[in-house]
C-alpha atoms as a PDB file:
ATOM      1  CA  MET A   1       3.499 -60.946  -5.398  1.00  0.00           C
ATOM      2  CA  LEU A   2       0.500 -59.060  -4.016  1.00  0.00           C
ATOM      3  CA  ARG A   3       2.694 -57.312  -1.457  1.00  0.00           C
ATOM      4  CA  SER A   4       5.065 -56.173  -4.211  1.00  0.00           C
ATOM      5  CA  ILE A   5       2.183 -54.783  -6.244  1.00  0.00           C
ATOM      6  CA  LEU A   6       0.834 -52.918  -3.215  1.00  0.00           C
ATOM      7  CA  ARG A   7       4.275 -51.466  -2.466  1.00  0.00           C
ATOM      8  CA  TRP A   8       4.635 -50.371  -6.094  1.00  0.00           C
ATOM      9  CA  CYS A   9       1.185 -48.727  -6.021  1.00  0.00           C
ATOM     10  CA  ALA A  10       1.949 -46.949  -2.741  1.00  0.00           C
ATOM     11  CA  ALA A  11       5.306 -45.705  -4.036  1.00  0.00           C
ATOM     12  CA  SER A  12       3.726 -44.523  -7.304  1.00  0.00           C
ATOM     13  CA  ALA A  13       0.975 -42.673  -5.422  1.00  0.00           C
ATOM     14  CA  PHE A  14       3.546 -41.059  -3.108  1.00  0.00           C
ATOM     15  CA  TRP A  15       5.704 -39.799  -5.964  1.00  0.00           C
ATOM     16  CA  PHE A  16       2.678 -38.617  -7.948  1.00  0.00           C
ATOM     17  CA  VAL A  17       1.420 -36.560  -4.991  1.00  0.00           C
ATOM     18  CA  LEU A  18       4.893 -35.175  -4.257  1.00  0.00           C
ATOM     19  CA  ILE A  19       5.711 -34.240  -7.847  1.00  0.00           C
ATOM     20  CA  SER A  20       2.274 -32.793  -8.682  1.00  0.00           C
ATOM     21  CA  ALA A  21       2.148 -30.776  -5.444  1.00  0.00           C
ATOM     22  CA  SER A  22       5.706 -29.475  -5.978  1.00  0.00           C
ATOM     23  CA  TRP A  23       4.910 -28.562  -9.594  1.00  0.00           C
ATOM     24  CA  THR A  24       1.778 -26.738  -8.523  1.00  0.00           C
ATOM     25  CA  ALA A  25       3.583 -24.892  -5.739  1.00  0.00           C
ATOM     26  CA  LEU A  26       6.292 -23.788  -8.194  1.00  0.00           C
ATOM     27  CA  LEU A  27       3.701 -22.398 -10.621  1.00  0.00           C
ATOM     28  CA  GLY A  28       2.232 -20.451  -7.727  1.00  0.00           C
ATOM     29  CA  CYS A  29       5.362 -18.300  -7.971  1.00  0.00           C
ATOM     30  CA  VAL A  30       6.555 -18.754 -11.561  1.00  0.00           C
ATOM     31  CA  ASN A  31       4.460 -18.093 -14.667  1.00  0.00           C
ATOM     32  CA  PRO A  32       3.632 -21.197 -16.744  1.00  0.00           C
ATOM     33  CA  PRO A  33       6.035 -21.148 -19.705  1.00  0.00           C
ATOM     34  CA  VAL A  34       3.596 -22.592 -22.259  1.00  0.00           C
ATOM     35  CA  THR A  35       0.342 -24.559 -22.468  1.00  0.00           C
ATOM     36  CA  TRP A  36      -0.866 -27.382 -24.708  1.00  0.00           C
ATOM     37  CA  VAL A  37      -3.245 -25.009 -26.510  1.00  0.00           C
ATOM     38  CA  MET A  38      -0.390 -22.590 -27.222  1.00  0.00           C
ATOM     39  CA  ILE A  39       1.684 -25.450 -28.636  1.00  0.00           C
ATOM     40  CA  GLU A  40      -1.277 -26.445 -30.815  1.00  0.00           C
ATOM     41  CA  GLN A  41      -1.662 -22.890 -32.128  1.00  0.00           C
ATOM     42  CA  ALA A  42       2.057 -22.618 -32.798  1.00  0.00           C
ATOM     43  CA  ARG A  43       1.858 -25.856 -34.800  1.00  0.00           C
ATOM     44  CA  LEU A  44      -1.192 -24.742 -36.809  1.00  0.00           C
ATOM     45  CA  ALA A  45      -0.433 -21.058 -37.316  1.00  0.00           C
ATOM     46  CA  GLY A  46       3.310 -20.941 -36.810  1.00  0.00           C
ATOM     47  CA  SER A  47       3.166 -18.602 -33.810  1.00  0.00           C
ATOM     48  CA  PHE A  48       1.005 -17.171 -31.045  1.00  0.00           C
ATOM     49  CA  LYS A  49       0.801 -13.910 -29.096  1.00  0.00           C
ATOM     50  CA  ARG A  50       1.217 -13.797 -25.324  1.00  0.00           C
ATOM     51  CA  VAL A  51       2.500 -11.213 -22.844  1.00  0.00           C
ATOM     52  CA  ASN A  52       2.467 -11.992 -19.119  1.00  0.00           C
ATOM     53  CA  ARG A  53       1.139  -9.329 -16.763  1.00  0.00           C
ATOM     54  CA  ALA A  54       0.672  -9.271 -12.998  1.00  0.00           C
ATOM     55  CA  LEU A  55      -2.898  -8.818 -11.785  1.00  0.00           C
ATOM     56  CA  GLU A  56      -1.968  -5.319 -10.590  1.00  0.00           C
ATOM     57  CA  GLU A  57      -0.931  -4.456 -14.158  1.00  0.00           C
ATOM     58  CA  MET A  58      -4.427  -5.134 -15.493  1.00  0.00           C
ATOM     59  CA  ALA A  59      -7.403  -2.816 -15.330  1.00  0.00           C
ATOM     60  CA  ARG A  60      -9.558  -3.743 -12.334  1.00  0.00           C
ATOM     61  CA  ALA A  61     -12.482  -4.222 -14.699  1.00  0.00           C
ATOM     62  CA  MET A  62     -10.842  -7.186 -16.442  1.00  0.00           C
ATOM     63  CA  PRO A  63     -10.810  -9.737 -13.602  1.00  0.00           C
ATOM     64  CA  LEU A  64     -14.191  -8.462 -12.450  1.00  0.00           C
ATOM     65  CA  ALA A  65     -15.645  -8.982 -15.941  1.00  0.00           C
ATOM     66  CA  VAL A  66     -14.378 -12.573 -16.034  1.00  0.00           C
ATOM     67  CA  ILE A  67     -15.684 -13.327 -12.530  1.00  0.00           C
ATOM     68  CA  SER A  68     -19.085 -11.793 -13.319  1.00  0.00           C
ATOM     69  CA  SER A  69     -19.410 -13.728 -16.571  1.00  0.00           C
ATOM     70  CA  GLU A  70     -17.664 -17.042 -15.927  1.00  0.00           C
ATOM     71  CA  ASP A  71     -17.885 -17.770 -12.207  1.00  0.00           C
ATOM     72  CA  GLN A  72     -19.749 -15.345  -9.946  1.00  0.00           C
ATOM     73  CA  ARG A  73     -18.959 -17.331  -6.787  1.00  0.00           C
ATOM     74  CA  PHE A  74     -15.269 -17.704  -7.584  1.00  0.00           C
ATOM     75  CA  MET A  75     -14.143 -15.769  -4.511  1.00  0.00           C
ATOM     76  CA  THR A  76     -16.325 -17.827  -2.156  1.00  0.00           C
ATOM     77  CA  HIS A  77     -16.144 -21.432  -3.390  1.00  0.00           C
ATOM     78  CA  SER A  78     -13.340 -23.974  -2.942  1.00  0.00           C
ATOM     79  CA  GLY A  79     -12.771 -24.682  -6.626  1.00  0.00           C
ATOM     80  CA  PHE A  80     -16.022 -26.429  -7.549  1.00  0.00           C
ATOM     81  CA  SER A  81     -19.499 -25.007  -8.064  1.00  0.00           C
ATOM     82  CA  TRP A  82     -21.743 -27.761  -6.772  1.00  0.00           C
ATOM     83  CA  GLU A  83     -24.863 -25.748  -7.679  1.00  0.00           C
ATOM     84  CA  GLN A  84     -23.762 -25.493 -11.326  1.00  0.00           C
ATOM     85  CA  ILE A  85     -22.800 -29.156 -11.422  1.00  0.00           C
ATOM     86  CA  GLN A  86     -26.199 -30.156 -10.056  1.00  0.00           C
ATOM     87  CA  ARG A  87     -28.030 -27.969 -12.577  1.00  0.00           C
ATOM     88  CA  ALA A  88     -25.921 -29.383 -15.423  1.00  0.00           C
ATOM     89  CA  MET A  89     -26.722 -32.939 -14.323  1.00  0.00           C
ATOM     90  CA  GLU A  90     -30.439 -32.167 -14.151  1.00  0.00           C
ATOM     91  CA  LYS A  91     -30.414 -30.631 -17.645  1.00  0.00           C
ATOM     92  CA  ASN A  92     -28.479 -33.618 -18.946  1.00  0.00           C
ATOM     93  CA  LYS A  93     -31.111 -35.968 -17.565  1.00  0.00           C
ATOM     94  CA  ARG A  94     -33.793 -34.002 -19.409  1.00  0.00           C
ATOM     95  CA  GLY A  95     -31.775 -34.260 -22.606  1.00  0.00           C
ATOM     96  CA  LYS A  96     -31.192 -30.526 -22.882  1.00  0.00           C
ATOM     97  CA  ARG A  97     -27.989 -28.864 -24.014  1.00  0.00           C
ATOM     98  CA  VAL A  98     -25.744 -28.544 -20.980  1.00  0.00           C
ATOM     99  CA  LYS A  99     -23.917 -25.340 -20.166  1.00  0.00           C
ATOM    100  CA  GLY A 100     -20.423 -25.945 -18.826  1.00  0.00           C
ATOM    101  CA  ALA A 101     -20.141 -26.093 -15.052  1.00  0.00           C
ATOM    102  CA  SER A 102     -16.400 -25.428 -14.867  1.00  0.00           C
ATOM    103  CA  THR A 103     -15.217 -22.766 -12.449  1.00  0.00           C
ATOM    104  CA  ILE A 104     -12.358 -20.355 -13.145  1.00  0.00           C
ATOM    105  CA  SER A 105     -10.164 -22.632 -11.022  1.00  0.00           C
ATOM    106  CA  GLN A 106     -11.045 -25.652 -13.174  1.00  0.00           C
ATOM    107  CA  GLN A 107     -10.524 -23.680 -16.389  1.00  0.00           C
ATOM    108  CA  THR A 108      -7.111 -22.588 -15.123  1.00  0.00           C
ATOM    109  CA  VAL A 109      -6.186 -26.210 -14.439  1.00  0.00           C
ATOM    110  CA  LYS A 110      -7.339 -27.293 -17.905  1.00  0.00           C
ATOM    111  CA  ASN A 111      -5.192 -24.613 -19.517  1.00  0.00           C
ATOM    112  CA  VAL A 112      -2.052 -24.991 -17.402  1.00  0.00           C
ATOM    113  CA  PHE A 113      -1.783 -28.651 -16.423  1.00  0.00           C
ATOM    114  CA  LEU A 114      -3.798 -30.734 -18.891  1.00  0.00           C
ATOM    115  CA  TRP A 115      -3.900 -31.696 -22.530  1.00  0.00           C
ATOM    116  CA  PRO A 116      -6.947 -31.077 -24.791  1.00  0.00           C
ATOM    117  CA  GLY A 117      -9.587 -33.795 -24.819  1.00  0.00           C
ATOM    118  CA  ARG A 118     -12.198 -35.489 -22.674  1.00  0.00           C
ATOM    119  CA  ASN A 119     -11.804 -38.732 -20.766  1.00  0.00           C
ATOM    120  CA  TYR A 120     -12.099 -40.002 -17.202  1.00  0.00           C
ATOM    121  CA  LEU A 121      -8.359 -39.772 -16.525  1.00  0.00           C
ATOM    122  CA  ARG A 122      -8.330 -36.107 -17.530  1.00  0.00           C
ATOM    123  CA  LYS A 123     -11.400 -35.370 -15.383  1.00  0.00           C
ATOM    124  CA  GLY A 124      -9.735 -37.038 -12.398  1.00  0.00           C
ATOM    125  CA  LEU A 125      -6.543 -35.035 -12.872  1.00  0.00           C
ATOM    126  CA  GLU A 126      -8.611 -31.875 -13.309  1.00  0.00           C
ATOM    127  CA  ALA A 127     -10.263 -32.437  -9.927  1.00  0.00           C
ATOM    128  CA  TRP A 128      -6.918 -33.215  -8.255  1.00  0.00           C
ATOM    129  CA  PHE A 129      -5.102 -30.158  -9.605  1.00  0.00           C
ATOM    130  CA  THR A 130      -8.111 -27.954  -8.828  1.00  0.00           C
ATOM    131  CA  VAL A 131      -7.818 -28.970  -5.178  1.00  0.00           C
ATOM    132  CA  LEU A 132      -4.073 -28.300  -5.291  1.00  0.00           C
ATOM    133  CA  ILE A 133      -4.288 -24.767  -6.690  1.00  0.00           C
ATOM    134  CA  GLU A 134      -7.082 -23.871  -4.283  1.00  0.00           C
ATOM    135  CA  VAL A 135      -4.865 -25.007  -1.391  1.00  0.00           C
ATOM    136  CA  LEU A 136      -1.474 -23.763  -2.615  1.00  0.00           C
ATOM    137  CA  TRP A 137      -2.400 -20.595  -4.538  1.00  0.00           C
ATOM    138  CA  THR A 138      -4.351 -17.517  -3.547  1.00  0.00           C
ATOM    139  CA  LYS A 139      -7.543 -16.622  -5.395  1.00  0.00           C
ATOM    140  CA  GLU A 140      -5.705 -13.644  -6.853  1.00  0.00           C
ATOM    141  CA  ARG A 141      -2.961 -15.910  -8.192  1.00  0.00           C
ATOM    142  CA  ILE A 142      -5.522 -18.217  -9.804  1.00  0.00           C
ATOM    143  CA  LEU A 143      -7.114 -15.214 -11.502  1.00  0.00           C
ATOM    144  CA  GLU A 144      -3.753 -13.867 -12.612  1.00  0.00           C
ATOM    145  CA  VAL A 145      -2.654 -17.150 -14.177  1.00  0.00           C
ATOM    146  CA  TYR A 146      -6.022 -17.652 -15.878  1.00  0.00           C
ATOM    147  CA  LEU A 147      -5.955 -14.145 -17.344  1.00  0.00           C
ATOM    148  CA  ASN A 148      -2.466 -14.803 -18.731  1.00  0.00           C
ATOM    149  CA  VAL A 149      -3.069 -18.217 -20.320  1.00  0.00           C
ATOM    150  CA  ALA A 150      -6.700 -18.141 -21.506  1.00  0.00           C
ATOM    151  CA  GLU A 151      -7.137 -17.966 -25.277  1.00  0.00           C
ATOM    152  CA  MET A 152      -8.836 -14.659 -26.120  1.00  0.00           C
ATOM    153  CA  GLY A 153      -8.681 -14.767 -29.881  1.00  0.00           C
ATOM    154  CA  ARG A 154      -7.191 -17.019 -32.546  1.00  0.00           C
ATOM    155  CA  GLY A 155      -3.585 -17.411 -31.396  1.00  0.00           C
ATOM    156  CA  VAL A 156      -3.998 -14.634 -28.813  1.00  0.00           C
ATOM    157  CA  PHE A 157      -3.397 -15.638 -25.197  1.00  0.00           C
ATOM    158  CA  GLY A 158      -3.875 -13.533 -22.111  1.00  0.00           C
ATOM    159  CA  VAL A 159      -5.349 -10.138 -21.387  1.00  0.00           C
ATOM    160  CA  GLU A 160      -2.308  -8.070 -22.395  1.00  0.00           C
ATOM    161  CA  ALA A 161      -2.079  -9.668 -25.834  1.00  0.00           C
ATOM    162  CA  ALA A 162      -5.860  -9.349 -26.284  1.00  0.00           C
ATOM    163  CA  ALA A 163      -5.858  -5.677 -25.264  1.00  0.00           C
ATOM    164  CA  GLN A 164      -3.083  -4.862 -27.727  1.00  0.00           C
ATOM    165  CA  HIS A 165      -4.619  -7.005 -30.480  1.00  0.00           C
ATOM    166  CA  CYS A 166      -8.177  -5.685 -30.141  1.00  0.00           C
ATOM    167  CA  PHE A 167      -7.757  -2.107 -28.929  1.00  0.00           C
ATOM    168  CA  GLY A 168      -4.124  -1.157 -29.400  1.00  0.00           C
ATOM    169  CA  ARG A 169      -3.649  -0.435 -25.702  1.00  0.00           C
ATOM    170  CA  THR A 170      -2.254  -2.103 -22.612  1.00  0.00           C
ATOM    171  CA  ALA A 171      -4.337  -4.236 -20.263  1.00  0.00           C
ATOM    172  CA  MET A 172      -3.975  -1.555 -17.588  1.00  0.00           C
ATOM    173  CA  LYS A 173      -5.851   0.965 -19.768  1.00  0.00           C
ATOM    174  CA  LEU A 174      -8.844  -1.217 -20.656  1.00  0.00           C
ATOM    175  CA  THR A 175     -12.226   0.360 -19.999  1.00  0.00           C
ATOM    176  CA  PRO A 176     -15.053  -1.674 -18.418  1.00  0.00           C
ATOM    177  CA  ALA A 177     -16.758  -1.888 -21.827  1.00  0.00           C
ATOM    178  CA  GLN A 178     -13.575  -3.185 -23.464  1.00  0.00           C
ATOM    179  CA  ALA A 179     -12.985  -5.703 -20.671  1.00  0.00           C
ATOM    180  CA  ALA A 180     -16.579  -6.880 -21.070  1.00  0.00           C
ATOM    181  CA  LEU A 181     -16.129  -7.230 -24.841  1.00  0.00           C
ATOM    182  CA  ILE A 182     -13.018  -9.390 -24.445  1.00  0.00           C
ATOM    183  CA  THR A 183     -14.872 -11.508 -21.883  1.00  0.00           C
ATOM    184  CA  ALA A 184     -17.842 -11.842 -24.237  1.00  0.00           C
ATOM    185  CA  THR A 185     -15.652 -13.753 -26.706  1.00  0.00           C
ATOM    186  CA  LEU A 186     -14.368 -16.305 -24.171  1.00  0.00           C
ATOM    187  CA  PRO A 187     -16.945 -19.046 -24.823  1.00  0.00           C
ATOM    188  CA  SER A 188     -15.474 -19.410 -28.322  1.00  0.00           C
ATOM    189  CA  PRO A 189     -12.448 -17.132 -28.839  1.00  0.00           C
ATOM    190  CA  ARG A 190     -11.599 -18.546 -32.274  1.00  0.00           C
ATOM    191  CA  ARG A 191     -15.129 -17.936 -33.527  1.00  0.00           C
ATOM    192  CA  PHE A 192     -16.000 -14.614 -31.863  1.00  0.00           C
ATOM    193  CA  SER A 193     -14.021 -11.430 -32.423  1.00  0.00           C
ATOM    194  CA  CYS A 194     -13.534  -8.312 -30.328  1.00  0.00           C
ATOM    195  CA  ILE A 195     -12.181  -6.463 -33.367  1.00  0.00           C
ATOM    196  CA  ALA A 196     -15.337  -6.943 -35.464  1.00  0.00           C
ATOM    197  CA  PRO A 197     -17.918  -8.154 -32.913  1.00  0.00           C
ATOM    198  CA  SER A 198     -21.172  -9.636 -34.154  1.00  0.00           C
ATOM    199  CA  GLY A 199     -24.552  -8.599 -32.803  1.00  0.00           C
ATOM    200  CA  TYR A 200     -24.498 -11.664 -30.578  1.00  0.00           C
ATOM    201  CA  VAL A 201     -21.119 -10.719 -29.076  1.00  0.00           C
ATOM    202  CA  LEU A 202     -22.261  -7.128 -28.501  1.00  0.00           C
ATOM    203  CA  GLY A 203     -25.343  -8.481 -26.751  1.00  0.00           C
ATOM    204  CA  ARG A 204     -23.123 -10.636 -24.532  1.00  0.00           C
ATOM    205  CA  GLN A 205     -20.964  -7.598 -23.810  1.00  0.00           C
ATOM    206  CA  GLN A 206     -24.001  -5.722 -22.455  1.00  0.00           C
ATOM    207  CA  TRP A 207     -24.964  -8.777 -20.380  1.00  0.00           C
ATOM    208  CA  VAL A 208     -21.447  -8.932 -18.898  1.00  0.00           C
ATOM    209  CA  LEU A 209     -21.619  -5.219 -17.990  1.00  0.00           C
ATOM    210  CA  ARG A 210     -24.943  -5.790 -16.208  1.00  0.00           C
ATOM    211  CA  GLN A 211     -23.496  -8.731 -14.312  1.00  0.00           C
ATOM    212  CA  MET A 212     -20.489  -6.637 -13.300  1.00  0.00           C
ATOM    213  CA  ARG A 213     -22.832  -4.082 -11.757  1.00  0.00           C
ATOM    214  CA  ASN A 214     -24.832  -6.810 -10.010  1.00  0.00           C
ATOM    215  CA  VAL A 215     -21.825  -8.684  -8.593  1.00  0.00           C
ATOM    216  CA  GLY A 216     -19.759  -5.647  -7.638  1.00  0.00           C
ATOM    217  CA  ASP A 217     -16.057  -5.363  -6.888  1.00  0.00           C
ATOM    218  CA  VAL A 218     -15.583  -8.688  -5.077  1.00  0.00           C
ATOM    219  CA  LEU A 219     -11.819  -8.112  -5.029  1.00  0.00           C
ATOM    220  CA  ASP A 220     -12.551  -5.494  -2.363  1.00  0.00           C
ATOM    221  CA  PRO A 221     -12.665  -7.251   1.067  1.00  0.00           C
ATOM    222  CA  GLU A 222     -15.680  -5.254   2.279  1.00  0.00           C
ATOM    223  CA  VAL A 223     -17.676  -5.936  -0.877  1.00  0.00           C
ATOM    224  CA  LEU A 224     -16.672  -9.600  -0.711  1.00  0.00           C
ATOM    225  CA  ALA A 225     -17.851  -9.858   2.897  1.00  0.00           C
ATOM    226  CA  ARG A 226     -21.268  -8.494   1.898  1.00  0.00           C
ATOM    227  CA  ARG A 227     -21.336 -10.872  -1.065  1.00  0.00           C
ATOM    228  CA  LYS A 228     -20.616 -13.841   1.205  1.00  0.00           C
ATOM    229  CA  ALA A 229     -23.382 -12.791   3.591  1.00  0.00           C
ATOM    230  CA  LYS A 230     -25.811 -12.506   0.671  1.00  0.00           C
ATOM    231  CA  ILE A 231     -24.882 -15.977  -0.611  1.00  0.00           C
ATOM    232  CA  GLU A 232     -25.334 -17.510   2.843  1.00  0.00           C
ATOM    233  CA  SER A 233     -28.729 -15.842   3.144  1.00  0.00           C
ATOM    234  CA  GLU A 234     -29.724 -17.225  -0.279  1.00  0.00           C
ATOM    235  CA  LYS A 235     -28.623 -20.718   0.786  1.00  0.00           C
ATOM    236  CA  GLU A 236     -30.686 -20.511   3.972  1.00  0.00           C
ATOM    237  CA  ARG A 237     -33.785 -19.388   2.036  1.00  0.00           C
ATOM    238  CA  GLN A 238     -33.282 -22.165  -0.500  1.00  0.00           C
ATOM    239  CA  ALA A 239     -32.884 -24.758   2.273  1.00  0.00           C
ATOM    240  CA  GLU A 240     -36.063 -23.494   3.923  1.00  0.00           C
ATOM    241  CA  ARG A 241     -37.972 -23.720   0.632  1.00  0.00           C
ATOM    242  CA  GLU A 242     -36.673 -27.266   0.157  1.00  0.00           C
ATOM    243  CA  ARG A 243     -37.813 -28.258   3.672  1.00  0.00           C
ATOM    244  CA  LYS A 244     -41.285 -26.852   3.029  1.00  0.00           C
ATOM    245  CA  ARG A 245     -41.461 -28.667  -0.307  1.00  0.00           C
ATOM    246  CA  ARG A 246     -40.566 -31.989   1.317  1.00  0.00           C
ATOM    247  CA  ASN A 247     -43.092 -31.428   4.121  1.00  0.00           C
ATOM    248  CA  ARG A 248     -45.898 -30.938   1.592  1.00  0.00           C
ATOM    249  CA  LYS A 249     -45.229 -34.349   0.025  1.00  0.00           C
END
């Protein structure tokens, strides 16, 4: 009996890994046809807007705005931001409101592979698929998929649909200010608007523009190399400060 159960568990695990890895590999080449959130919007509103675009068909400012606002170490981490997770856990212990620690990779997984909601099964699948896309997709592909499936307005999905909806132009012709304004609505795209932005959204837009200048064009290999060196230097300084703090105790 026990041996049969173990064989069944091993077979189930094997097929789960094979099917999930194959599915992920396929979506590394083929655009996701639909997401759970799109289905939800179609059910509530009757339709949704979405136009797929390759990363090269978007203004350079758009992916840079999202990286600068949502996940500044996206190009250097392996799918998880352990620093953000640690800070979120510390704030949670102090009873403060926790800012999300999800990376762009994790947000892509939530949009493409998972259903809405929060439970331990979903968190486990999120971690698994995050590892898969980091292994099987390029960083550019992760960005491209995210920028095509993320909700950027009520019933508006992806950069191309958002650019046409908000500014009446294609994603390729977005200015840095327009890309920053779209990005400023991402924390709550059904509440915030890039057509009639509130003072809060305009303030976030200016913050995103400042972050874009600070982070730089990390899609450029030379800029990315300098960024990596800066991050490593920051880690070394932080480790040294931590050693000194422990020595004083």
